[in-house]
Protein backbone atom coordinates (compact mmCIF):
# COMPACT_ATOMS: atom_id res chain seq x y z
CA MET A 1 -45.58 61.31 48.50
CA THR A 2 -48.30 58.57 47.85
CA ASN A 3 -50.22 57.37 44.83
CA ARG A 4 -53.28 58.94 45.79
CA GLU A 5 -51.41 62.18 46.73
CA ILE A 6 -50.18 62.56 43.21
CA GLU A 7 -53.66 61.96 41.86
CA THR A 8 -54.75 64.51 44.34
CA LEU A 9 -52.23 67.05 43.12
CA LEU A 10 -52.55 66.31 39.27
CA GLN A 11 -56.16 66.77 39.84
CA SER A 12 -55.50 70.37 41.08
CA GLN A 13 -53.43 71.11 38.30
CA ARG A 14 -56.41 70.20 36.11
CA GLU A 15 -58.68 71.98 37.51
CA PHE A 16 -56.69 75.30 37.65
CA TYR A 17 -55.91 74.87 33.76
CA ARG A 18 -59.56 74.72 33.20
CA THR A 19 -59.93 78.03 34.95
CA GLY A 20 -57.77 79.63 31.42
CA ASN A 21 -55.35 81.53 34.51
CA THR A 22 -52.40 80.14 32.65
CA ILE A 23 -53.70 81.08 28.55
CA PRO A 24 -53.21 85.34 29.18
CA THR A 25 -49.42 86.08 27.98
CA ALA A 26 -49.33 88.88 30.60
CA PHE A 27 -49.90 85.63 32.95
CA ARG A 28 -47.04 83.58 31.47
CA ILE A 29 -44.30 87.01 31.64
CA ALA A 30 -45.52 87.46 35.18
CA GLN A 31 -44.65 84.11 36.71
CA LEU A 32 -41.26 83.93 34.40
CA LYS A 33 -40.52 86.82 36.08
CA LYS A 34 -41.23 85.53 39.33
CA LEU A 35 -38.84 82.78 38.60
CA TYR A 36 -36.07 84.66 37.35
CA ALA A 37 -36.20 86.65 40.82
CA ALA A 38 -36.72 83.25 42.73
CA ILE A 39 -33.34 81.95 41.05
CA GLN A 40 -31.32 85.02 41.88
CA LYS A 41 -32.86 85.48 45.70
CA TYR A 42 -31.72 81.46 46.02
CA GLU A 43 -28.61 81.49 43.76
CA PRO A 44 -26.21 81.26 46.85
CA GLU A 45 -28.36 78.28 48.14
CA ILE A 46 -28.22 76.64 44.71
CA LEU A 47 -24.60 77.05 44.55
CA ARG A 48 -24.16 75.30 47.84
CA ALA A 49 -26.21 72.71 46.84
CA LEU A 50 -24.70 71.60 43.78
CA THR A 51 -21.19 71.58 45.56
CA GLU A 52 -22.95 69.02 47.85
CA ASP A 53 -24.20 66.86 45.37
CA LEU A 54 -21.62 66.77 42.89
CA GLY A 55 -19.02 68.53 44.17
CA LYS A 56 -19.00 71.70 41.31
CA GLY A 57 -17.22 74.47 41.91
CA GLN A 58 -18.89 78.38 42.47
CA TYR A 59 -17.74 79.20 39.05
CA GLU A 60 -19.09 76.10 37.23
CA GLY A 61 -22.46 75.95 39.22
CA PHE A 62 -23.03 79.73 37.88
CA MET A 63 -21.72 79.12 34.09
CA CYS A 64 -23.34 75.89 33.77
CA GLU A 65 -26.54 75.87 35.68
CA THR A 66 -27.87 79.13 37.19
CA GLY A 67 -26.45 81.01 34.60
CA LEU A 68 -28.18 79.39 31.84
CA ALA A 69 -31.35 79.18 33.38
CA LEU A 70 -31.51 82.88 33.77
CA THR A 71 -30.37 83.38 30.32
CA GLU A 72 -33.23 81.28 28.79
CA ILE A 73 -35.78 83.16 31.06
CA SER A 74 -34.48 86.17 29.43
CA TRP A 75 -35.15 84.86 26.12
CA LEU A 76 -38.25 83.91 26.80
CA LEU A 77 -39.15 87.27 28.56
CA ARG A 78 -38.16 89.17 25.50
CA ASN A 79 -40.27 86.38 23.18
CA THR A 80 -43.29 84.80 24.50
CA LYS A 81 -45.59 87.43 23.64
CA ARG A 82 -44.58 87.05 19.85
CA LEU A 83 -44.79 83.21 20.03
CA SER A 84 -47.90 83.23 21.56
CA ARG A 85 -49.47 85.19 18.21
CA ARG A 86 -51.19 83.52 15.93
CA LYS A 87 -49.54 83.47 12.40
CA THR A 88 -51.29 84.13 8.74
CA VAL A 89 -50.36 81.85 6.49
CA PRO A 90 -51.13 81.42 2.81
CA THR A 91 -54.84 80.60 1.98
CA PRO A 92 -55.60 78.44 -1.68
CA LEU A 93 -57.71 80.41 -3.94
CA ALA A 94 -60.38 77.28 -3.71
CA GLN A 95 -61.06 78.24 -0.13
CA PHE A 96 -61.89 82.01 -0.73
CA PRO A 97 -62.83 83.74 1.14
CA SER A 98 -61.17 83.22 4.42
CA HIS A 99 -58.01 83.79 6.51
CA SER A 100 -55.70 80.76 7.61
CA TYR A 101 -53.41 80.94 10.46
CA THR A 102 -51.62 78.80 12.94
CA GLN A 103 -52.06 79.25 16.84
CA ALA A 104 -49.93 77.70 19.68
CA VAL A 105 -51.62 76.55 22.63
CA PRO A 106 -50.59 74.70 25.54
CA TYR A 107 -50.86 71.33 26.29
CA GLY A 108 -52.16 71.88 29.39
CA ASN A 109 -50.92 69.83 32.26
CA THR A 110 -47.59 68.56 32.09
CA LEU A 111 -44.49 66.56 33.62
CA ILE A 112 -40.86 67.69 33.81
CA MET A 113 -38.72 64.46 35.21
CA SER A 114 -34.69 66.13 35.45
CA PRO A 115 -31.82 64.27 35.79
CA TRP A 116 -28.93 64.31 38.36
CA ASN A 117 -26.25 65.47 36.38
CA TYR A 118 -26.91 68.96 35.95
CA PRO A 119 -30.04 68.77 38.47
CA PHE A 120 -30.95 72.59 38.84
CA LEU A 121 -30.33 73.55 34.97
CA LEU A 122 -32.24 70.48 33.27
CA THR A 123 -34.94 71.29 35.54
CA VAL A 124 -35.46 75.16 35.54
CA GLU A 125 -35.12 75.66 31.70
CA PRO A 126 -37.46 73.35 30.68
CA LEU A 127 -39.84 74.34 33.09
CA ALA A 128 -39.33 78.12 31.91
CA ASP A 129 -40.37 76.85 28.46
CA ALA A 130 -43.38 75.25 30.01
CA ILE A 131 -44.62 78.18 31.69
CA ALA A 132 -43.61 80.39 28.81
CA ALA A 133 -46.18 78.21 26.61
CA GLY A 134 -48.81 78.17 29.28
CA ASN A 135 -48.91 75.01 31.00
CA THR A 136 -48.81 74.18 34.55
CA ALA A 137 -46.26 71.65 35.53
CA ILE A 138 -44.99 68.95 38.26
CA ILE A 139 -41.75 68.58 38.60
CA LYS A 140 -39.65 65.40 39.27
CA PRO A 141 -35.94 65.82 40.46
CA SER A 142 -34.01 62.85 40.50
CA ALA A 143 -33.50 61.24 43.82
CA TYR A 144 -29.33 60.92 43.49
CA SER A 145 -29.10 64.98 43.85
CA PRO A 146 -30.91 65.51 47.07
CA ALA A 147 -29.40 68.80 47.74
CA THR A 148 -30.45 70.39 44.81
CA GLY A 149 -33.81 68.83 44.82
CA ALA A 150 -34.51 70.28 48.18
CA VAL A 151 -33.56 73.73 47.21
CA ILE A 152 -35.39 73.43 44.00
CA ARG A 153 -38.53 72.56 46.12
CA THR A 154 -38.55 75.47 48.48
CA MET A 155 -37.86 77.96 45.57
CA LEU A 156 -40.70 76.69 43.58
CA GLU A 157 -43.17 76.50 46.57
CA GLU A 158 -42.40 79.77 47.37
CA CYS A 159 -42.83 81.15 44.00
CA PHE A 160 -45.86 79.47 42.78
CA PRO A 161 -49.14 77.60 44.10
CA LYS A 162 -49.16 73.84 43.93
CA GLU A 163 -52.30 73.69 41.88
CA TYR A 164 -50.00 75.63 38.96
CA VAL A 165 -46.27 74.30 39.54
CA ALA A 166 -45.57 71.60 42.12
CA VAL A 167 -42.47 69.36 42.85
CA VAL A 168 -42.43 65.65 43.51
CA THR A 169 -39.53 64.56 45.19
CA GLY A 170 -38.65 60.48 46.01
CA GLY A 171 -37.25 57.86 44.47
CA ARG A 172 -38.58 54.92 41.98
CA GLU A 173 -42.08 54.34 43.65
CA GLU A 174 -42.90 58.41 43.00
CA ASN A 175 -41.59 58.06 39.32
CA ALA A 176 -43.81 54.82 38.74
CA SER A 177 -46.72 57.02 40.64
CA LEU A 178 -46.44 59.83 37.97
CA LEU A 179 -46.25 58.03 35.27
CA ALA A 180 -49.27 55.94 35.71
CA GLN A 181 -50.93 59.28 35.36
CA LYS A 182 -52.53 60.94 32.26
CA PHE A 183 -50.61 63.89 31.61
CA ASP A 184 -51.08 66.05 28.41
CA PHE A 185 -46.94 66.22 27.58
CA ILE A 186 -44.27 64.48 29.30
CA PHE A 187 -40.57 65.76 29.31
CA PHE A 188 -37.84 63.51 30.06
CA THR A 189 -34.11 63.76 30.47
CA GLY A 190 -31.86 61.24 31.52
CA SER A 191 -30.88 57.53 30.69
CA GLN A 192 -31.82 55.22 27.64
CA ALA A 193 -32.93 52.60 29.95
CA VAL A 194 -35.30 54.95 31.74
CA GLY A 195 -36.44 57.12 28.87
CA LYS A 196 -37.52 53.82 26.98
CA GLU A 197 -39.65 53.29 30.13
CA VAL A 198 -41.36 56.75 29.91
CA LEU A 199 -41.91 56.28 26.11
CA ARG A 200 -43.89 53.30 27.36
CA LYS A 201 -45.91 54.57 29.94
CA ALA A 202 -46.75 57.50 27.76
CA ALA A 203 -48.02 55.22 24.89
CA GLU A 204 -50.50 53.88 27.42
CA HIS A 205 -52.02 57.25 27.41
CA LEU A 206 -50.87 58.51 24.04
CA THR A 207 -49.33 61.00 25.51
CA PRO A 208 -46.51 63.21 23.60
CA VAL A 209 -43.23 62.97 24.85
CA VAL A 210 -39.44 64.96 24.80
CA LEU A 211 -36.77 62.33 25.39
CA GLU A 212 -33.36 64.06 26.43
CA LEU A 213 -31.19 60.77 26.35
CA GLY A 214 -27.65 60.42 25.70
CA GLY A 215 -25.22 57.84 24.02
CA LYS A 216 -21.63 57.39 23.00
CA SER A 217 -20.65 61.10 21.31
CA PRO A 218 -17.76 61.05 19.05
CA CYS A 219 -15.04 63.52 18.72
CA ILE A 220 -12.92 63.34 15.45
CA VAL A 221 -9.54 64.55 15.03
CA ASP A 222 -8.58 65.30 11.69
CA ALA A 223 -5.14 65.13 10.23
CA ASP A 224 -5.07 68.90 9.75
CA ALA A 225 -6.49 70.01 13.13
CA ASP A 226 -5.49 72.72 15.10
CA ILE A 227 -3.87 70.20 17.90
CA GLN A 228 -3.38 72.88 20.85
CA LEU A 229 -6.42 74.05 20.34
CA ALA A 230 -8.36 70.96 19.89
CA ALA A 231 -6.99 69.34 22.83
CA ARG A 232 -7.76 72.10 25.19
CA ARG A 233 -11.22 72.41 24.39
CA ILE A 234 -11.61 68.50 24.13
CA VAL A 235 -10.31 68.77 27.69
CA PHE A 236 -12.62 71.08 28.71
CA GLY A 237 -15.71 69.38 27.70
CA LYS A 238 -14.69 65.82 28.69
CA TYR A 239 -13.67 66.30 32.13
CA LEU A 240 -16.66 69.46 32.80
CA ASN A 241 -18.58 68.23 35.79
CA CYS A 242 -16.46 64.99 36.09
CA GLY A 243 -17.24 63.85 33.33
CA GLN A 244 -20.96 63.72 34.19
CA THR A 245 -22.39 65.81 30.82
CA CYS A 246 -24.49 64.43 28.31
CA VAL A 247 -23.04 65.87 25.15
CA ALA A 248 -19.40 65.48 26.62
CA PRO A 249 -17.06 63.78 23.84
CA ASP A 250 -17.40 60.14 24.74
CA TYR A 251 -14.37 58.78 22.81
CA ILE A 252 -11.40 60.53 20.58
CA LEU A 253 -11.41 59.02 16.55
CA CYS A 254 -7.85 60.91 16.33
CA HIS A 255 -5.82 60.32 13.01
CA THR A 256 -2.35 58.24 13.23
CA SER A 257 -0.39 60.94 12.04
CA VAL A 258 -1.46 63.52 14.99
CA ARG A 259 -2.46 61.06 17.68
CA ASP A 260 1.04 61.15 19.54
CA ALA A 261 1.54 64.76 19.65
CA PHE A 262 -2.74 65.18 20.13
CA VAL A 263 -2.07 62.68 23.48
CA THR A 264 0.70 64.85 24.52
CA GLU A 265 -1.20 67.90 24.30
CA VAL A 266 -4.07 66.52 26.04
CA VAL A 267 -1.68 65.23 29.19
CA ARG A 268 -0.39 68.93 29.20
CA GLN A 269 -3.95 70.48 29.15
CA ILE A 270 -5.08 68.63 31.73
CA LYS A 271 -2.39 69.39 34.08
CA LEU A 272 -2.85 73.52 33.00
CA GLN A 273 -6.68 73.11 33.55
CA TYR A 274 -6.74 70.58 36.90
CA GLY A 275 -2.98 71.03 38.22
CA GLU A 276 -0.99 68.73 38.81
CA LYS A 277 -3.18 66.34 41.77
CA PRO A 278 -6.93 67.13 40.43
CA LEU A 279 -8.13 65.16 43.19
CA GLU A 280 -7.22 68.33 45.47
CA ASN A 281 -8.42 70.73 43.39
CA PRO A 282 -11.40 72.34 44.93
CA ASP A 283 -13.13 73.13 41.53
CA TYR A 284 -12.34 69.23 40.23
CA GLY A 285 -16.05 67.46 40.90
CA ARG A 286 -16.94 63.98 41.91
CA ILE A 287 -18.77 61.25 40.75
CA ILE A 288 -22.63 61.17 41.91
CA ASN A 289 -22.53 58.30 43.95
CA PRO A 290 -20.62 54.79 45.21
CA ARG A 291 -22.60 52.47 42.16
CA HIS A 292 -21.76 54.65 39.10
CA PHE A 293 -17.97 55.12 40.79
CA THR A 294 -17.76 51.64 41.01
CA ARG A 295 -18.61 51.04 37.22
CA LEU A 296 -16.18 53.61 35.72
CA CYS A 297 -13.59 52.27 37.40
CA GLY A 298 -14.45 48.91 36.07
CA LEU A 299 -14.17 50.47 32.59
CA MET A 300 -10.40 51.83 32.85
CA ASP A 301 -7.75 49.55 31.64
CA LYS A 302 -4.28 50.29 33.83
CA LYS A 303 -2.30 48.65 30.75
CA LYS A 304 -3.64 51.26 28.05
CA THR A 305 -3.89 54.25 30.86
CA VAL A 306 -1.22 56.43 29.93
CA HIS A 307 -2.29 59.87 32.24
CA GLY A 308 -4.81 59.80 35.38
CA GLY A 309 -6.15 56.72 36.68
CA GLU A 310 -6.24 57.64 40.16
CA THR A 311 -9.15 57.17 42.52
CA ASP A 312 -10.62 57.99 45.49
CA PRO A 313 -13.55 55.76 46.85
CA ASP A 314 -13.97 58.09 49.95
CA THR A 315 -14.72 60.99 47.90
CA CYS A 316 -16.09 59.13 44.67
CA GLN A 317 -13.71 60.98 42.73
CA ILE A 318 -11.78 60.05 39.66
CA ALA A 319 -8.87 62.07 38.11
CA PRO A 320 -8.92 62.87 34.53
CA THR A 321 -7.84 59.64 32.38
CA VAL A 322 -6.50 59.03 29.32
CA MET A 323 -6.38 55.61 27.62
CA VAL A 324 -4.69 54.87 24.35
CA ASP A 325 -4.73 51.95 21.99
CA VAL A 326 -8.36 51.41 22.55
CA THR A 327 -10.26 49.20 20.19
CA PRO A 328 -14.31 48.78 19.84
CA GLU A 329 -13.66 45.73 21.86
CA ASP A 330 -12.78 47.18 24.94
CA PRO A 331 -15.43 47.74 27.71
CA VAL A 332 -14.81 51.14 28.06
CA MET A 333 -16.42 51.65 24.01
CA GLY A 334 -19.41 49.12 25.43
CA GLN A 335 -21.67 51.86 26.82
CA GLU A 336 -21.64 55.34 27.54
CA ILE A 337 -18.90 56.36 29.68
CA PHE A 338 -20.55 59.33 31.77
CA GLY A 339 -17.22 60.02 33.04
CA PRO A 340 -13.90 61.74 33.03
CA ILE A 341 -12.04 58.77 30.95
CA MET A 342 -10.95 59.72 27.72
CA PRO A 343 -10.36 56.76 25.42
CA VAL A 344 -8.43 57.43 22.06
CA LEU A 345 -9.34 55.40 18.88
CA THR A 346 -7.28 55.86 16.08
CA PHE A 347 -8.13 56.37 11.97
CA GLU A 348 -6.30 56.27 9.06
CA ASP A 349 -9.18 56.71 6.06
CA PHE A 350 -11.86 59.33 6.81
CA ASP A 351 -14.30 57.56 4.49
CA THR A 352 -14.07 54.54 6.87
CA VAL A 353 -14.99 56.52 9.84
CA LEU A 354 -17.76 57.80 8.11
CA SER A 355 -18.85 54.46 7.31
CA ASP A 356 -18.28 53.18 10.52
CA LEU A 357 -20.41 55.90 11.96
CA LYS A 358 -23.35 55.38 10.09
CA GLY A 359 -23.42 52.09 11.34
CA LYS A 360 -23.83 52.94 15.01
CA GLU A 361 -26.32 54.19 17.46
CA LYS A 362 -27.27 58.16 16.56
CA PRO A 363 -25.19 60.13 19.07
CA LEU A 364 -26.96 63.09 21.08
CA ALA A 365 -23.61 64.91 19.94
CA LEU A 366 -20.90 64.93 17.54
CA TYR A 367 -17.67 66.85 17.33
CA LEU A 368 -15.18 67.59 14.62
CA PHE A 369 -11.68 69.40 14.32
CA SER A 370 -10.70 69.65 10.87
CA TYR A 371 -9.95 72.62 8.44
CA ASN A 372 -10.83 70.29 5.43
CA TRP A 373 -14.07 71.84 4.22
CA ARG A 374 -15.12 68.29 2.45
CA HIS A 375 -15.00 66.47 5.55
CA ILE A 376 -16.66 69.24 7.30
CA ARG A 377 -19.58 69.13 4.51
CA ARG A 378 -19.69 65.63 4.98
CA VAL A 379 -19.97 65.41 8.84
CA THR A 380 -22.93 67.55 8.83
CA LYS A 381 -24.72 66.85 5.80
CA GLU A 382 -24.31 62.84 6.10
CA LEU A 383 -23.93 61.89 9.44
CA SER A 384 -27.15 61.71 11.36
CA TYR A 385 -26.87 63.13 15.30
CA GLY A 386 -28.72 65.55 17.88
CA GLY A 387 -26.18 68.44 17.23
CA GLY A 388 -22.51 69.76 17.68
CA CYS A 389 -19.67 71.80 16.74
CA ILE A 390 -16.94 72.09 14.42
CA ASN A 391 -13.71 72.85 16.02
CA ASP A 392 -14.98 73.03 19.65
CA VAL A 393 -17.25 70.93 21.81
CA ILE A 394 -20.31 70.95 23.98
CA ILE A 395 -21.07 75.08 23.50
CA HIS A 396 -24.04 74.13 20.80
CA LEU A 397 -26.25 73.49 23.81
CA ALA A 398 -25.77 77.03 25.71
CA THR A 399 -27.92 78.82 23.14
CA SER A 400 -31.38 80.13 22.78
CA ALA A 401 -31.20 80.78 19.36
CA MET A 402 -31.31 77.00 18.36
CA GLY A 403 -33.23 73.67 19.54
CA PHE A 404 -31.08 71.33 21.42
CA GLY A 405 -32.13 67.35 21.17
CA GLY A 406 -31.58 64.00 20.17
CA VAL A 407 -32.24 61.88 17.37
CA GLY A 408 -33.05 57.82 17.18
CA GLU A 409 -31.33 56.28 20.42
CA SER A 410 -30.36 59.63 21.89
CA GLY A 411 -33.92 61.02 22.05
CA MET A 412 -36.55 62.75 20.23
CA GLY A 413 -37.86 66.40 20.26
CA ALA A 414 -36.04 69.75 21.00
CA TYR A 415 -36.14 72.35 23.62
CA HIS A 416 -34.54 75.99 24.07
CA GLY A 417 -35.77 79.13 22.95
CA LYS A 418 -38.64 79.00 20.37
CA ASP A 419 -38.51 75.19 20.05
CA GLY A 420 -38.89 75.07 23.79
CA PHE A 421 -41.76 76.90 23.42
CA LEU A 422 -43.17 74.82 20.82
CA ALA A 423 -42.35 71.79 22.66
CA PHE A 424 -44.45 72.63 25.53
CA SER A 425 -47.32 73.97 22.92
CA HIS A 426 -49.50 72.30 20.17
CA THR A 427 -49.89 74.51 17.24
CA LYS A 428 -53.43 74.42 15.55
CA SER A 429 -54.25 75.23 12.19
CA ILE A 430 -57.52 77.45 11.64
CA VAL A 431 -59.23 78.66 8.42
CA ASP A 432 -61.55 81.46 9.28
CA LYS A 433 -63.76 81.35 6.74
CA LYS A 434 -66.18 84.08 5.43
CA THR A 435 -69.54 84.35 5.31
CA TRP A 436 -70.42 87.24 2.28
CA PHE A 437 -69.32 84.56 -0.60
CA ASP A 438 -69.48 80.75 -1.25
CA LEU A 439 -68.22 79.12 -3.89
CA PRO A 440 -70.51 76.64 -5.21
CA MET A 441 -68.13 74.14 -7.09
CA ARG A 442 -67.58 72.15 -4.16
CA TYR A 443 -71.40 71.09 -3.72
CA GLN A 444 -73.38 68.44 -5.49
CA PRO A 445 -74.44 67.74 -8.02
CA TYR A 446 -71.40 67.64 -9.74
CA THR A 447 -72.32 68.18 -13.42
CA SER A 448 -70.35 71.06 -14.94
CA LYS A 449 -67.17 70.78 -16.37
CA LEU A 450 -66.50 74.01 -15.98
CA PHE A 451 -66.75 73.86 -12.39
CA ARG A 452 -64.20 71.00 -12.85
CA LYS A 453 -61.84 72.74 -14.72
CA LEU A 454 -61.83 75.56 -12.41
CA LEU A 455 -61.45 73.82 -8.97
CA HIS A 456 -58.33 72.12 -10.34
CA MET A 457 -57.21 75.45 -11.63
CA PHE A 458 -57.82 76.65 -7.90
CA LEU A 459 -56.44 73.67 -6.09
CA LYS A 460 -52.95 73.70 -7.68
């Protein structure tokens, strides 16, 4: 779309929002039901598109994309009416007689920019939150996942009028045109580099944003961990979607006493889950494009690779790979991996691990496999990170009961469930003051000592 077409589209959404049609909860719920039905109708096309873009198998496509989107919409259908109601809060005695309450209201016209790694889920889930909160939305899918973007566009254009929900496809020019506009709220999921640019552009209009970014998410395997279970779950989370998951364990910090046993079990689990020849496994995905494939190949050190390392440039596939004896100076530790490469580092002192992590950028996720309750308490209380799991990986994002988001370098704001509704809402504070009585103590002249004492008492 041209810049002028984008301006016209946004203006039509502004005019539609001003009609107030998106405000009633009955309207919001009706639109969520439309979206739910549309996903069910287009699910075969969505799953085929995910296979075309990323090589995702049908089961993984449902488990990690359409199924989770339907779950979020179901939660919102049950809770939107409750979340939209005003909430009474206590009123200070000095404001007697009055009624104080908060009211969540939509931001208005919103922009949702989604990534390519989970191109359906990370588009539709924030869209559902935006609809539940009463906003209009312009969707910008990633240009790197064109097949999924095309299905999303067809589905949403059939489901909603463009002045309410619209899809803008394209690449950098369309991104730049959209970010030059004044939206009431921007939701972005993607890399730190692009997230910084989104924040810069939003600041020009003082537009609030939620940024869901990434980072190097550590996974600690303590000395007393259940090695077989840890390896099984880490292999699942690390190589899911061919490693292209923002909350995948980026690297392993393994206690030296269990390193060899852990690596042996990881290799065994890779063979169990992906077969002896993962590149021939129809359910094992591929890297999104040749550029990222080449980048990942450059991060692998053959001398430190104890399993995997096979690649196929024709299909952009990289086998599940394990590297040992990795140091912080190795190239694989210099950036977020975002691929099927598992570097294993070791530690001897848990206090040193925590101290080192406190000095690093705040990751989107952190995982700990341990039965040591002191270590668990210290990790959960002392370290700053978006979210995580104890004795598992990535599953903390698969619930509408908790917010999901980053902190510091890994993002700002959160969504899912109530947090998603509130992310797309502004919560107003309102005092409804009654007129049948008016306390005189706030008015001049301020001469009465009694009033001063009473006011001090009332304001406590």
